Amino acid sequence: MNKGELVDAVASKTEISKKNVEAVISAAVEVIIDAVAEGDRVTLVGFGSFEPRIRQEREGRNPRTGEKMIIPETKVPAFSAGKVFKDRVLGEEGED
């Protein structure tokens, strides 16, 4: 499912115009990205959590030459699915 298909699905479930749904989804994604970029954790109960994580410095190899190199520490975005989301994917009914 891409963004356009998501907009269509939400619009049909809520009877809100596609234009308004698209604006809300875009704004929500932007707010989540901004919050995580600033170091905050965003939790959507039943869905999951977005947070920044630090990937520690580590030793790697240049795939072209095989030469050892140090890969620097970096901050990466991470998502952890919530229980309801995990249960639905597993085909189990949530206890809500």
N, C-alpha and C. Protein backbone atom coordinates (compact mmCIF):
# COMPACT_ATOMS: atom_id res chain seq x y z
N MET A 1 0.86 -1.17 0.00
CA MET A 1 0.00 0.00 0.00
C MET A 1 0.90 1.23 0.00
N ASN A 2 0.62 2.14 -0.91
CA ASN A 2 1.37 3.39 -0.93
C ASN A 2 0.53 4.50 -0.28
N LYS A 3 1.05 5.71 -0.25
CA LYS A 3 0.37 6.81 0.42
C LYS A 3 -0.99 7.10 -0.20
N GLY A 4 -1.07 7.08 -1.52
CA GLY A 4 -2.35 7.33 -2.19
C GLY A 4 -3.40 6.30 -1.83
N GLU A 5 -2.99 5.04 -1.76
CA GLU A 5 -3.91 3.97 -1.38
C GLU A 5 -4.33 4.10 0.08
N LEU A 6 -3.40 4.53 0.94
CA LEU A 6 -3.72 4.77 2.34
C LEU A 6 -4.75 5.89 2.46
N VAL A 7 -4.55 6.97 1.73
CA VAL A 7 -5.50 8.09 1.74
C VAL A 7 -6.88 7.61 1.30
N ASP A 8 -6.94 6.83 0.23
CA ASP A 8 -8.22 6.30 -0.25
C ASP A 8 -8.90 5.44 0.81
N ALA A 9 -8.14 4.56 1.47
CA ALA A 9 -8.71 3.67 2.48
C ALA A 9 -9.24 4.43 3.68
N VAL A 10 -8.46 5.41 4.16
CA VAL A 10 -8.90 6.20 5.32
C VAL A 10 -10.11 7.04 4.95
N ALA A 11 -10.11 7.62 3.76
CA ALA A 11 -11.25 8.44 3.32
C ALA A 11 -12.52 7.60 3.25
N SER A 12 -12.41 6.37 2.76
CA SER A 12 -13.61 5.53 2.66
C SER A 12 -14.11 5.06 4.03
N LYS A 13 -13.20 4.88 4.99
CA LYS A 13 -13.61 4.46 6.34
C LYS A 13 -14.20 5.61 7.14
N THR A 14 -13.74 6.82 6.89
CA THR A 14 -14.14 7.96 7.72
C THR A 14 -15.14 8.89 7.05
N GLU A 15 -15.33 8.74 5.76
CA GLU A 15 -16.19 9.63 4.97
C GLU A 15 -15.71 11.09 5.03
N ILE A 16 -14.39 11.25 5.17
CA ILE A 16 -13.75 12.56 5.11
C ILE A 16 -13.16 12.67 3.71
N SER A 17 -13.10 13.88 3.17
CA SER A 17 -12.60 14.04 1.80
C SER A 17 -11.15 13.58 1.69
N LYS A 18 -10.81 13.08 0.51
CA LYS A 18 -9.44 12.62 0.27
C LYS A 18 -8.44 13.75 0.48
N LYS A 19 -8.81 14.95 0.09
CA LYS A 19 -7.91 16.10 0.24
C LYS A 19 -7.60 16.34 1.71
N ASN A 20 -8.61 16.28 2.56
CA ASN A 20 -8.40 16.50 4.00
C ASN A 20 -7.62 15.36 4.63
N VAL A 21 -7.93 14.12 4.23
CA VAL A 21 -7.20 12.96 4.75
C VAL A 21 -5.73 13.06 4.38
N GLU A 22 -5.44 13.40 3.13
CA GLU A 22 -4.05 13.53 2.67
C GLU A 22 -3.31 14.58 3.49
N ALA A 23 -3.98 15.71 3.77
CA ALA A 23 -3.35 16.77 4.55
C ALA A 23 -3.04 16.31 5.97
N VAL A 24 -3.96 15.56 6.58
CA VAL A 24 -3.76 15.08 7.95
C VAL A 24 -2.64 14.03 7.99
N ILE A 25 -2.64 13.10 7.05
CA ILE A 25 -1.59 12.08 7.03
C ILE A 25 -0.23 12.72 6.81
N SER A 26 -0.14 13.65 5.87
CA SER A 26 1.13 14.34 5.62
C SER A 26 1.61 15.09 6.84
N ALA A 27 0.70 15.78 7.52
CA ALA A 27 1.06 16.53 8.72
C ALA A 27 1.51 15.59 9.83
N ALA A 28 0.81 14.47 10.01
CA ALA A 28 1.17 13.51 11.06
C ALA A 28 2.56 12.94 10.81
N VAL A 29 2.84 12.56 9.58
CA VAL A 29 4.16 12.01 9.24
C VAL A 29 5.25 13.06 9.49
N GLU A 30 4.99 14.29 9.11
CA GLU A 30 5.97 15.37 9.31
C GLU A 30 6.24 15.60 10.79
N VAL A 31 5.19 15.59 11.60
CA VAL A 31 5.35 15.80 13.05
C VAL A 31 6.15 14.65 13.66
N ILE A 32 5.87 13.41 13.25
CA ILE A 32 6.61 12.26 13.76
C ILE A 32 8.08 12.36 13.38
N ILE A 33 8.36 12.69 12.13
CA ILE A 33 9.75 12.83 11.67
C ILE A 33 10.47 13.91 12.45
N ASP A 34 9.84 15.07 12.63
CA ASP A 34 10.46 16.17 13.36
C ASP A 34 10.75 15.77 14.81
N ALA A 35 9.80 15.11 15.47
CA ALA A 35 9.97 14.73 16.87
C ALA A 35 11.12 13.74 17.02
N VAL A 36 11.16 12.71 16.17
CA VAL A 36 12.23 11.71 16.26
C VAL A 36 13.58 12.34 15.94
N ALA A 37 13.61 13.24 14.96
CA ALA A 37 14.87 13.92 14.61
C ALA A 37 15.39 14.75 15.78
N GLU A 38 14.48 15.25 16.63
CA GLU A 38 14.88 16.04 17.79
C GLU A 38 15.22 15.17 19.00
N GLY A 39 15.10 13.84 18.84
CA GLY A 39 15.46 12.94 19.92
C GLY A 39 14.30 12.43 20.75
N ASP A 40 13.07 12.78 20.37
CA ASP A 40 11.90 12.35 21.13
C ASP A 40 11.40 10.99 20.65
N ARG A 41 10.64 10.34 21.52
CA ARG A 41 9.98 9.07 21.19
C ARG A 41 8.51 9.40 20.94
N VAL A 42 7.94 8.86 19.87
CA VAL A 42 6.54 9.05 19.55
C VAL A 42 5.85 7.71 19.67
N THR A 43 4.86 7.63 20.58
CA THR A 43 4.15 6.37 20.81
C THR A 43 2.70 6.51 20.41
N LEU A 44 2.25 5.63 19.53
CA LEU A 44 0.85 5.56 19.13
C LEU A 44 0.33 4.25 19.70
N VAL A 45 -0.41 4.33 20.79
CA VAL A 45 -0.87 3.15 21.51
C VAL A 45 -1.62 2.21 20.57
N GLY A 46 -1.24 0.95 20.59
CA GLY A 46 -1.85 -0.05 19.73
C GLY A 46 -1.16 -0.19 18.39
N PHE A 47 -0.42 0.83 17.98
CA PHE A 47 0.27 0.80 16.70
C PHE A 47 1.75 0.53 16.90
N GLY A 48 2.42 1.43 17.64
CA GLY A 48 3.84 1.25 17.89
C GLY A 48 4.52 2.54 18.27
N SER A 49 5.85 2.47 18.35
CA SER A 49 6.65 3.62 18.76
C SER A 49 7.76 3.89 17.76
N PHE A 50 7.98 5.16 17.53
CA PHE A 50 9.09 5.63 16.70
C PHE A 50 10.07 6.30 17.63
N GLU A 51 11.37 6.02 17.46
CA GLU A 51 12.38 6.64 18.31
C GLU A 51 13.72 6.66 17.60
N PRO A 52 14.59 7.59 18.04
CA PRO A 52 15.95 7.57 17.50
C PRO A 52 16.78 6.56 18.29
N ARG A 53 17.65 5.85 17.62
CA ARG A 53 18.57 4.93 18.30
C ARG A 53 19.98 5.23 17.83
N ILE A 54 20.92 5.00 18.72
CA ILE A 54 22.33 5.20 18.40
C ILE A 54 22.90 3.86 17.95
N ARG A 55 23.45 3.85 16.77
CA ARG A 55 24.18 2.67 16.27
C ARG A 55 25.65 2.93 16.61
N GLN A 56 26.20 2.08 17.46
CA GLN A 56 27.57 2.27 17.95
C GLN A 56 28.61 2.17 16.83
N GLU A 57 29.74 2.84 17.07
CA GLU A 57 30.87 2.72 16.15
C GLU A 57 31.27 1.25 16.08
N ARG A 58 31.62 0.80 14.90
CA ARG A 58 32.00 -0.61 14.74
C ARG A 58 33.00 -0.76 13.62
N GLU A 59 33.63 -1.92 13.62
CA GLU A 59 34.60 -2.21 12.57
C GLU A 59 33.86 -2.90 11.42
N GLY A 60 34.18 -2.48 10.21
CA GLY A 60 33.60 -3.10 9.03
C GLY A 60 34.68 -3.33 8.00
N ARG A 61 34.27 -3.75 6.84
CA ARG A 61 35.20 -3.97 5.74
C ARG A 61 34.69 -3.30 4.49
N ASN A 62 35.62 -2.73 3.74
CA ASN A 62 35.28 -2.16 2.45
C ASN A 62 34.94 -3.34 1.53
N PRO A 63 33.72 -3.41 1.00
CA PRO A 63 33.34 -4.57 0.19
C PRO A 63 34.15 -4.70 -1.10
N ARG A 64 34.68 -3.60 -1.58
CA ARG A 64 35.46 -3.63 -2.82
C ARG A 64 36.88 -4.16 -2.60
N THR A 65 37.51 -3.68 -1.51
CA THR A 65 38.91 -4.03 -1.28
C THR A 65 39.12 -5.03 -0.15
N GLY A 66 38.11 -5.21 0.70
CA GLY A 66 38.27 -6.09 1.85
C GLY A 66 39.03 -5.43 2.99
N GLU A 67 39.45 -4.18 2.81
CA GLU A 67 40.22 -3.47 3.82
C GLU A 67 39.34 -3.14 5.03
N LYS A 68 39.91 -3.30 6.25
CA LYS A 68 39.19 -2.96 7.48
C LYS A 68 39.00 -1.45 7.55
N MET A 69 37.87 -1.05 8.10
CA MET A 69 37.58 0.37 8.28
C MET A 69 36.68 0.55 9.49
N ILE A 70 36.67 1.72 10.05
CA ILE A 70 35.82 2.03 11.19
C ILE A 70 34.56 2.72 10.66
N ILE A 71 33.41 2.15 11.01
CA ILE A 71 32.12 2.76 10.66
C ILE A 71 31.73 3.60 11.87
N PRO A 72 31.57 4.93 11.69
CA PRO A 72 31.32 5.81 12.84
C PRO A 72 29.94 5.60 13.46
N GLU A 73 29.84 6.02 14.73
CA GLU A 73 28.56 5.99 15.43
C GLU A 73 27.57 6.88 14.67
N THR A 74 26.32 6.46 14.63
CA THR A 74 25.32 7.26 13.92
C THR A 74 23.96 7.11 14.60
N LYS A 75 23.11 8.09 14.43
CA LYS A 75 21.75 8.05 14.95
C LYS A 75 20.82 7.61 13.83
N VAL A 76 19.97 6.61 14.10
CA VAL A 76 19.06 6.09 13.08
C VAL A 76 17.64 6.06 13.63
N PRO A 77 16.63 6.20 12.77
CA PRO A 77 15.25 6.07 13.24
C PRO A 77 14.91 4.59 13.41
N ALA A 78 14.06 4.31 14.40
CA ALA A 78 13.65 2.92 14.64
C ALA A 78 12.15 2.89 14.93
N PHE A 79 11.52 1.78 14.59
CA PHE A 79 10.10 1.57 14.86
C PHE A 79 9.94 0.25 15.58
N SER A 80 9.15 0.27 16.64
CA SER A 80 8.82 -0.96 17.37
C SER A 80 7.31 -1.10 17.33
N ALA A 81 6.82 -2.21 16.77
CA ALA A 81 5.39 -2.44 16.66
C ALA A 81 4.78 -2.68 18.03
N GLY A 82 3.57 -2.17 18.24
CA GLY A 82 2.84 -2.40 19.48
C GLY A 82 2.19 -3.77 19.50
N LYS A 83 1.69 -4.17 20.66
CA LYS A 83 1.11 -5.50 20.84
C LYS A 83 -0.07 -5.74 19.91
N VAL A 84 -0.97 -4.79 19.80
CA VAL A 84 -2.16 -4.96 18.94
C VAL A 84 -1.72 -5.17 17.50
N PHE A 85 -0.76 -4.39 17.04
CA PHE A 85 -0.23 -4.50 15.67
C PHE A 85 0.39 -5.88 15.46
N LYS A 86 1.26 -6.29 16.39
CA LYS A 86 1.91 -7.60 16.29
C LYS A 86 0.89 -8.73 16.25
N ASP A 87 -0.09 -8.66 17.16
CA ASP A 87 -1.10 -9.70 17.21
C ASP A 87 -1.91 -9.78 15.92
N ARG A 88 -2.24 -8.64 15.34
CA ARG A 88 -3.02 -8.63 14.10
C ARG A 88 -2.21 -9.25 12.96
N VAL A 89 -0.93 -8.93 12.90
CA VAL A 89 -0.07 -9.50 11.85
C VAL A 89 0.06 -11.01 12.02
N LEU A 90 0.11 -11.46 13.28
CA LEU A 90 0.20 -12.89 13.55
C LEU A 90 -1.12 -13.62 13.32
N GLY A 91 -2.20 -12.85 13.09
CA GLY A 91 -3.50 -13.45 12.84
C GLY A 91 -4.28 -13.72 14.11
N GLU A 92 -3.83 -13.16 15.23
CA GLU A 92 -4.52 -13.32 16.50
C GLU A 92 -5.41 -12.10 16.73
N GLU A 93 -6.47 -12.30 17.46
CA GLU A 93 -7.35 -11.19 17.81
C GLU A 93 -6.80 -10.51 19.05
N GLY A 94 -6.80 -9.18 19.04
CA GLY A 94 -6.31 -8.42 20.18
C GLY A 94 -7.30 -8.48 21.34
N GLU A 95 -6.80 -8.33 22.55
CA GLU A 95 -7.64 -8.36 23.75
C GLU A 95 -8.02 -6.94 24.14
N ASP A 96 -8.65 -6.20 23.28
CA ASP A 96 -9.02 -4.80 23.57
C ASP A 96 -10.46 -4.67 23.88
